Amino acid sequence: IALVASLKDYRLAEDCEGKKDVLAGEAHGGGVAYTAQPEEIINYVSAHDNETLFDNTAWKMPPSLFSPLERARANWLCTAVVALSHGIPFFHAGDELLRSKSLDRDSYNSGDYFNVLDFTGRCSAFGTGLPVKVKNGEKWDLMRPLLQDASVRPSAELVAASAAKFCELLRLRVSTPLLGLTDAQDVFGKVDFPGCGKDQMPGIIVMQVRNGPAAANPSGPLLCDKFARVVVVFSARLEVTRLPLPAGFSPPPRSPDVEPPSKACKVGAEPMQLHPAQVESEDVVTRTAKVEGQELVIPPQTAVVFVEHLPK
């Protein structure tokens, strides 16, 4: 729902319980979606309050079960959800650097030792010490072994790779007008989620955005002058995944105010390809994503953007 800017009037073809034609504002008991326009939502996964994104993944991905690279890739995936969603993206300073505050959930008065933000990647606050007792003391016994484990502290190499991935995500958003739509009617009429529903593969979200004129100007030019559609796949799975290639666009049910498919940009005329920004990704794992026959091949813990170019 956050991917469609938490729009309350967006309709899900099917929810995770198998219910059909579900209004986002009523999904999961209501209250999850509450906006009327994308500009009304600020999407984020971490902020100055509570733990940093890296510290949250350190808590939830213990070194006995996950490698440092898997932990870093989880950070990248979280950041990708923010960067590639419709709505306004917000990034906490240091999300791109695996910033830690040594598990401090409220560092307002913790000083520079805990709040350090080192853009070189050589100095991490992780393991600096136990955070202040008044806000964190009840978890000290759990924190001690984690903060003493040097393998959890992000290396300069992982920080550099994270910064490169962050810049890649920014390039994807800036270069692709179909990501970050600003009008609710465009989201209603151009965005769907193939495979979403009760039988959805765990750990996978597929979002498809097809091109067309702006809903506010249906006789005007296409929103994007390069791509007929964009397919974004978020995979939190730890193994390579194969998914069926989305055949096209399924408009949301009962959306009378959006342009009908007959006026939309036609899709399927050109092959799907990895987005040019990811063809040149510094992350070798991302570059292994591909279209193989009628399947999308998705590497583990990766957000992948596929594009279909406009017919020549």
Protein backbone atom coordinates (compact mmCIF):
# COMPACT_ATOMS: atom_id res chain seq x y z
CA ILE A 1 0.00 0.00 0.00
CA ALA A 2 2.90 2.36 0.71
CA LEU A 3 4.09 1.79 -2.86
CA VAL A 4 0.94 3.54 -4.11
CA ALA A 5 1.43 6.48 -1.72
CA SER A 6 -1.03 5.08 0.83
CA LEU A 7 -3.90 6.26 -1.34
CA LYS A 8 -7.13 5.35 0.43
CA ASP A 9 -9.10 5.03 -2.82
CA TYR A 10 -6.66 2.69 -4.54
CA ARG A 11 -8.19 -0.72 -5.10
CA LEU A 12 -6.27 -3.95 -4.65
CA ALA A 13 -7.39 -6.68 -7.03
CA GLU A 14 -6.91 -9.16 -4.18
CA ASP A 15 -5.53 -8.89 -0.65
CA CYS A 16 -3.45 -11.40 1.30
CA GLU A 17 -6.62 -13.04 2.64
CA GLY A 18 -7.97 -13.63 -0.84
CA LYS A 19 -10.61 -10.90 -0.72
CA LYS A 20 -11.30 -9.35 -4.12
CA ASP A 21 -11.53 -5.68 -5.04
CA VAL A 22 -10.33 -4.33 -1.70
CA LEU A 23 -10.26 -0.60 -1.08
CA ALA A 24 -6.84 0.29 0.32
CA GLY A 25 -8.43 2.48 2.97
CA GLU A 26 -10.21 -0.59 4.32
CA ALA A 27 -7.35 -3.10 3.99
CA HIS A 28 -5.97 -4.74 7.15
CA GLY A 29 -8.83 -3.36 9.19
CA GLY A 30 -8.49 0.18 7.87
CA GLY A 31 -6.18 3.05 8.72
CA VAL A 32 -3.19 1.86 6.69
CA ALA A 33 -4.07 3.97 3.64
CA TYR A 34 -5.33 7.47 4.35
CA THR A 35 -4.20 9.90 1.64
CA ALA A 36 -6.05 11.49 -1.26
CA GLN A 37 -2.97 12.48 -3.27
CA PRO A 38 0.63 11.17 -3.44
CA GLU A 39 2.00 14.48 -2.19
CA GLU A 40 0.27 13.88 1.14
CA ILE A 41 2.50 10.97 2.12
CA ILE A 42 6.15 10.95 3.15
CA ASN A 43 7.60 7.47 2.78
CA TYR A 44 10.48 6.48 5.05
CA VAL A 45 11.95 3.50 6.86
CA SER A 46 14.04 5.37 9.44
CA ALA A 47 14.21 8.84 10.97
CA HIS A 48 15.95 10.64 13.82
CA ASP A 49 13.66 8.92 16.31
CA ASN A 50 14.23 5.29 17.25
CA GLU A 51 16.99 3.08 15.86
CA THR A 52 18.71 3.72 12.56
CA LEU A 53 17.92 1.45 9.66
CA PHE A 54 21.20 -0.42 10.11
CA ASP A 55 20.66 -0.88 13.85
CA ASN A 56 17.17 -2.24 13.18
CA THR A 57 18.56 -4.83 10.80
CA ALA A 58 21.33 -5.64 13.29
CA TRP A 59 18.63 -6.45 15.84
CA LYS A 60 16.54 -8.49 13.43
CA MET A 61 19.31 -10.24 11.48
CA PRO A 62 21.66 -11.74 14.10
CA PRO A 63 25.21 -12.72 13.04
CA SER A 64 24.46 -16.36 13.84
CA LEU A 65 21.96 -16.44 10.98
CA PHE A 66 22.96 -13.72 8.49
CA SER A 67 26.20 -12.53 6.93
CA PRO A 68 27.33 -8.89 6.88
CA LEU A 69 26.53 -8.72 3.16
CA GLU A 70 23.02 -10.09 3.70
CA ARG A 71 22.48 -7.49 6.40
CA ALA A 72 23.69 -4.73 4.08
CA ARG A 73 21.50 -5.94 1.24
CA ALA A 74 18.49 -5.85 3.54
CA ASN A 75 19.29 -2.18 4.15
CA TRP A 76 19.50 -1.59 0.41
CA LEU A 77 16.14 -3.26 -0.15
CA CYS A 78 14.45 -1.12 2.51
CA THR A 79 15.89 2.02 0.94
CA ALA A 80 14.74 0.84 -2.49
CA VAL A 81 11.13 0.60 -1.33
CA VAL A 82 11.28 4.27 -0.34
CA ALA A 83 13.12 5.39 -3.48
CA LEU A 84 10.86 3.57 -5.95
CA SER A 85 7.46 4.21 -4.33
CA HIS A 86 4.92 6.77 -5.43
CA GLY A 87 4.77 9.60 -2.93
CA ILE A 88 7.51 11.72 -1.37
CA PRO A 89 10.67 9.82 -0.37
CA PHE A 90 12.45 10.70 2.87
CA PHE A 91 15.87 9.33 3.82
CA HIS A 92 17.44 9.60 7.25
CA ALA A 93 20.98 11.00 7.12
CA GLY A 94 23.26 8.00 6.93
CA ASP A 95 20.81 5.47 5.50
CA GLU A 96 23.16 5.35 2.52
CA LEU A 97 26.18 4.71 4.79
CA LEU A 98 24.86 1.92 7.03
CA ARG A 99 24.89 4.46 9.85
CA SER A 100 24.71 3.08 13.37
CA LYS A 101 24.07 4.74 16.73
CA SER A 102 25.19 1.65 18.65
CA LEU A 103 21.54 0.53 18.96
CA ASP A 104 20.54 3.78 20.70
CA ARG A 105 16.83 4.36 20.16
CA ASP A 106 16.91 7.98 21.37
CA SER A 107 20.29 9.64 20.76
CA TYR A 108 19.20 13.26 21.31
CA ASN A 109 21.55 13.68 24.30
CA SER A 110 24.01 10.91 23.47
CA GLY A 111 26.78 13.07 22.04
CA ASP A 112 29.05 12.62 19.04
CA TYR A 113 30.23 9.13 19.99
CA PHE A 114 26.81 7.76 19.19
CA ASN A 115 25.66 10.31 16.61
CA VAL A 116 28.77 10.28 14.44
CA LEU A 117 28.11 10.49 10.69
CA ASP A 118 31.31 9.63 8.83
CA PHE A 119 31.05 10.01 5.06
CA THR A 120 34.36 8.18 4.54
CA GLY A 121 32.86 4.96 5.91
CA ARG A 122 35.88 4.31 8.13
CA CYS A 123 34.25 5.21 11.44
CA SER A 124 31.05 3.49 12.58
CA ALA A 125 29.40 4.08 15.94
CA PHE A 126 28.39 0.43 16.14
CA GLY A 127 30.01 -1.04 19.26
CA THR A 128 30.99 2.38 20.62
CA GLY A 129 29.40 1.29 23.88
CA LEU A 130 26.08 0.66 25.50
CA PRO A 131 23.67 3.52 24.74
CA VAL A 132 22.38 5.69 27.58
CA LYS A 133 20.57 3.73 30.26
CA VAL A 134 17.56 6.00 30.67
CA LYS A 135 16.21 5.10 27.21
CA ASN A 136 17.88 1.76 26.53
CA GLY A 137 18.75 0.12 29.85
CA GLU A 138 16.05 -2.53 29.68
CA LYS A 139 17.79 -4.01 26.62
CA TRP A 140 21.41 -3.79 27.78
CA ASP A 141 21.69 -7.54 28.40
CA LEU A 142 20.56 -8.22 24.84
CA MET A 143 22.76 -5.47 23.42
CA ARG A 144 26.06 -6.50 25.01
CA PRO A 145 26.84 -9.61 22.94
CA LEU A 146 25.63 -7.98 19.73
CA LEU A 147 27.69 -4.80 20.19
CA GLN A 148 30.77 -6.85 21.09
CA ASP A 149 30.56 -8.82 17.83
CA ALA A 150 33.00 -7.12 15.47
CA SER A 151 31.51 -8.91 12.46
CA VAL A 152 28.34 -6.81 12.74
CA ARG A 153 30.15 -3.47 12.46
CA PRO A 154 29.90 -2.39 8.77
CA SER A 155 33.18 -2.37 6.90
CA ALA A 156 34.36 0.55 4.78
CA GLU A 157 33.84 -1.64 1.70
CA LEU A 158 30.21 -2.34 2.57
CA VAL A 159 29.61 1.34 3.30
CA ALA A 160 31.03 2.28 -0.11
CA ALA A 161 28.86 -0.35 -1.81
CA SER A 162 25.81 0.99 0.05
CA ALA A 163 26.51 4.56 -1.06
CA ALA A 164 26.84 3.36 -4.67
CA LYS A 165 23.54 1.47 -4.43
CA PHE A 166 21.83 4.53 -2.98
CA CYS A 167 23.04 6.68 -5.89
CA GLU A 168 21.80 4.00 -8.29
CA LEU A 169 18.33 4.17 -6.72
CA LEU A 170 18.29 7.95 -7.07
CA ARG A 171 19.26 7.65 -10.74
CA LEU A 172 16.44 5.16 -11.27
CA ARG A 173 13.85 7.50 -9.81
CA VAL A 174 15.10 10.68 -11.47
CA SER A 175 15.45 9.10 -14.92
CA THR A 176 12.10 7.28 -14.90
CA PRO A 177 8.94 9.46 -14.85
CA LEU A 178 6.79 6.38 -14.26
CA LEU A 179 8.32 6.06 -10.79
CA GLY A 180 7.01 8.59 -8.31
CA LEU A 181 3.71 9.53 -9.95
CA THR A 182 2.28 12.73 -8.49
CA ASP A 183 -1.44 12.47 -9.35
CA ALA A 184 -3.75 9.98 -7.66
CA GLN A 185 -5.69 9.36 -10.88
CA ASP A 186 -2.47 8.37 -12.62
CA VAL A 187 -1.70 5.91 -9.83
CA PHE A 188 -5.23 4.47 -10.00
CA GLY A 189 -5.08 4.03 -13.76
CA LYS A 190 -1.46 3.08 -14.37
CA VAL A 191 -0.26 0.98 -11.41
CA ASP A 192 -1.06 -2.62 -10.59
CA PHE A 193 0.52 -5.50 -8.68
CA PRO A 194 0.76 -8.72 -10.72
CA GLY A 195 0.66 -11.81 -8.56
CA CYS A 196 -0.59 -9.92 -5.50
CA GLY A 197 -3.04 -11.81 -3.32
CA LYS A 198 -3.53 -14.89 -1.21
CA ASP A 199 -1.18 -17.01 -3.33
CA GLN A 200 1.53 -14.33 -3.58
CA MET A 201 5.05 -15.68 -3.24
CA PRO A 202 6.38 -14.78 0.22
CA GLY A 203 9.08 -12.14 0.19
CA ILE A 204 8.19 -10.86 -3.29
CA ILE A 205 6.31 -7.75 -4.45
CA VAL A 206 5.83 -6.96 -8.12
CA MET A 207 4.68 -3.47 -9.12
CA GLN A 208 3.86 -2.62 -12.73
CA VAL A 209 3.45 0.92 -14.05
CA ARG A 210 2.36 1.47 -17.63
CA ASN A 211 2.76 4.66 -19.60
CA GLY A 212 0.01 6.89 -20.92
CA PRO A 213 -1.08 10.53 -21.00
CA ALA A 214 -1.53 12.27 -17.69
CA ALA A 215 -5.01 11.63 -16.30
CA ALA A 216 -5.43 15.40 -16.04
CA ASN A 217 -4.64 15.78 -19.76
CA PRO A 218 -5.78 12.60 -21.56
CA SER A 219 -5.20 14.10 -25.00
CA GLY A 220 -1.69 15.26 -24.08
CA PRO A 221 1.71 13.56 -24.44
CA LEU A 222 2.78 10.39 -22.69
CA LEU A 223 4.15 10.78 -19.19
CA CYS A 224 7.38 9.07 -20.22
CA ASP A 225 9.11 9.45 -23.58
CA LYS A 226 11.22 6.29 -23.20
CA PHE A 227 9.31 3.40 -21.68
CA ALA A 228 5.93 1.80 -22.39
CA ARG A 229 5.94 0.23 -18.95
CA VAL A 230 8.11 -0.40 -15.92
CA VAL A 231 8.05 -3.53 -13.77
CA VAL A 232 9.64 -3.26 -10.34
CA VAL A 233 10.37 -6.41 -8.33
CA PHE A 234 11.31 -6.30 -4.66
CA SER A 235 12.75 -9.61 -3.46
CA ALA A 236 13.61 -10.20 0.19
CA ARG A 237 14.27 -13.86 -0.52
CA LEU A 238 17.75 -15.29 0.05
CA GLU A 239 17.80 -17.26 -3.19
CA VAL A 240 17.36 -16.57 -6.89
CA THR A 241 13.68 -16.40 -7.79
CA ARG A 242 11.88 -16.89 -11.10
CA LEU A 243 8.62 -15.09 -11.71
CA PRO A 244 6.25 -15.07 -14.69
CA LEU A 245 6.69 -12.04 -16.91
CA PRO A 246 3.64 -9.79 -16.39
CA ALA A 247 1.61 -9.93 -19.58
CA GLY A 248 0.33 -6.38 -19.40
CA PHE A 249 -1.75 -4.04 -17.35
CA SER A 250 -4.83 -4.99 -15.37
CA PRO A 251 -6.68 -1.79 -14.46
CA PRO A 252 -7.99 -1.53 -10.90
CA PRO A 253 -11.58 -2.76 -10.62
CA ARG A 254 -14.39 -0.20 -10.66
CA SER A 255 -12.32 2.89 -11.38
CA PRO A 256 -14.64 4.89 -13.64
CA ASP A 257 -12.67 8.12 -13.42
CA VAL A 258 -9.45 6.82 -14.94
CA GLU A 259 -8.67 6.43 -18.61
CA PRO A 260 -9.73 3.07 -20.05
CA PRO A 261 -7.04 0.70 -21.32
CA SER A 262 -7.93 1.52 -24.93
CA LYS A 263 -6.49 5.00 -24.45
CA ALA A 264 -3.43 3.77 -22.61
CA CYS A 265 0.01 3.16 -24.02
CA LYS A 266 0.10 -0.29 -25.61
CA VAL A 267 2.47 -2.79 -24.01
CA GLY A 268 3.98 -6.03 -25.18
CA ALA A 269 5.34 -4.77 -28.49
CA GLU A 270 8.94 -4.65 -27.27
CA PRO A 271 10.94 -7.03 -25.07
CA MET A 272 11.40 -6.35 -21.38
CA GLN A 273 14.94 -5.43 -20.36
CA LEU A 274 16.87 -4.54 -17.25
CA HIS A 275 16.77 -0.78 -16.65
CA PRO A 276 19.86 0.92 -18.15
CA ALA A 277 20.81 2.28 -14.72
CA GLN A 278 20.97 -1.27 -13.39
CA VAL A 279 22.77 -2.68 -16.41
CA GLU A 280 25.61 -0.44 -15.20
CA SER A 281 25.09 -1.20 -11.50
CA GLU A 282 28.21 -1.42 -9.36
CA ASP A 283 26.53 -4.34 -7.60
CA VAL A 284 27.39 -7.48 -9.54
CA VAL A 285 24.38 -9.30 -8.06
CA THR A 286 21.95 -6.72 -9.44
CA ARG A 287 23.48 -7.13 -12.90
CA THR A 288 22.52 -10.83 -12.91
CA ALA A 289 18.81 -9.93 -13.06
CA LYS A 290 17.40 -10.77 -16.49
CA VAL A 291 14.45 -11.75 -18.62
CA GLU A 292 14.65 -15.37 -19.71
CA GLY A 293 11.86 -16.45 -22.02
CA GLN A 294 8.63 -15.60 -20.24
CA GLU A 295 10.24 -15.36 -16.82
CA LEU A 296 11.94 -12.70 -14.76
CA VAL A 297 15.07 -13.93 -13.00
CA ILE A 298 15.47 -12.05 -9.73
CA PRO A 299 18.65 -12.23 -7.62
CA PRO A 300 18.37 -12.50 -3.84
CA GLN A 301 17.68 -9.47 -1.65
CA THR A 302 17.44 -7.11 -4.59
CA ALA A 303 15.10 -4.50 -5.99
CA VAL A 304 15.09 -4.85 -9.77
CA VAL A 305 13.58 -2.50 -12.35
CA PHE A 306 12.70 -3.89 -15.77
CA VAL A 307 11.55 -1.68 -18.62
CA GLU A 308 9.79 -2.09 -21.93
CA HIS A 309 10.85 0.60 -24.39
CA LEU A 310 8.31 2.46 -26.45
CA PRO A 311 7.91 1.04 -29.97
CA LYS A 312 10.26 2.67 -32.44
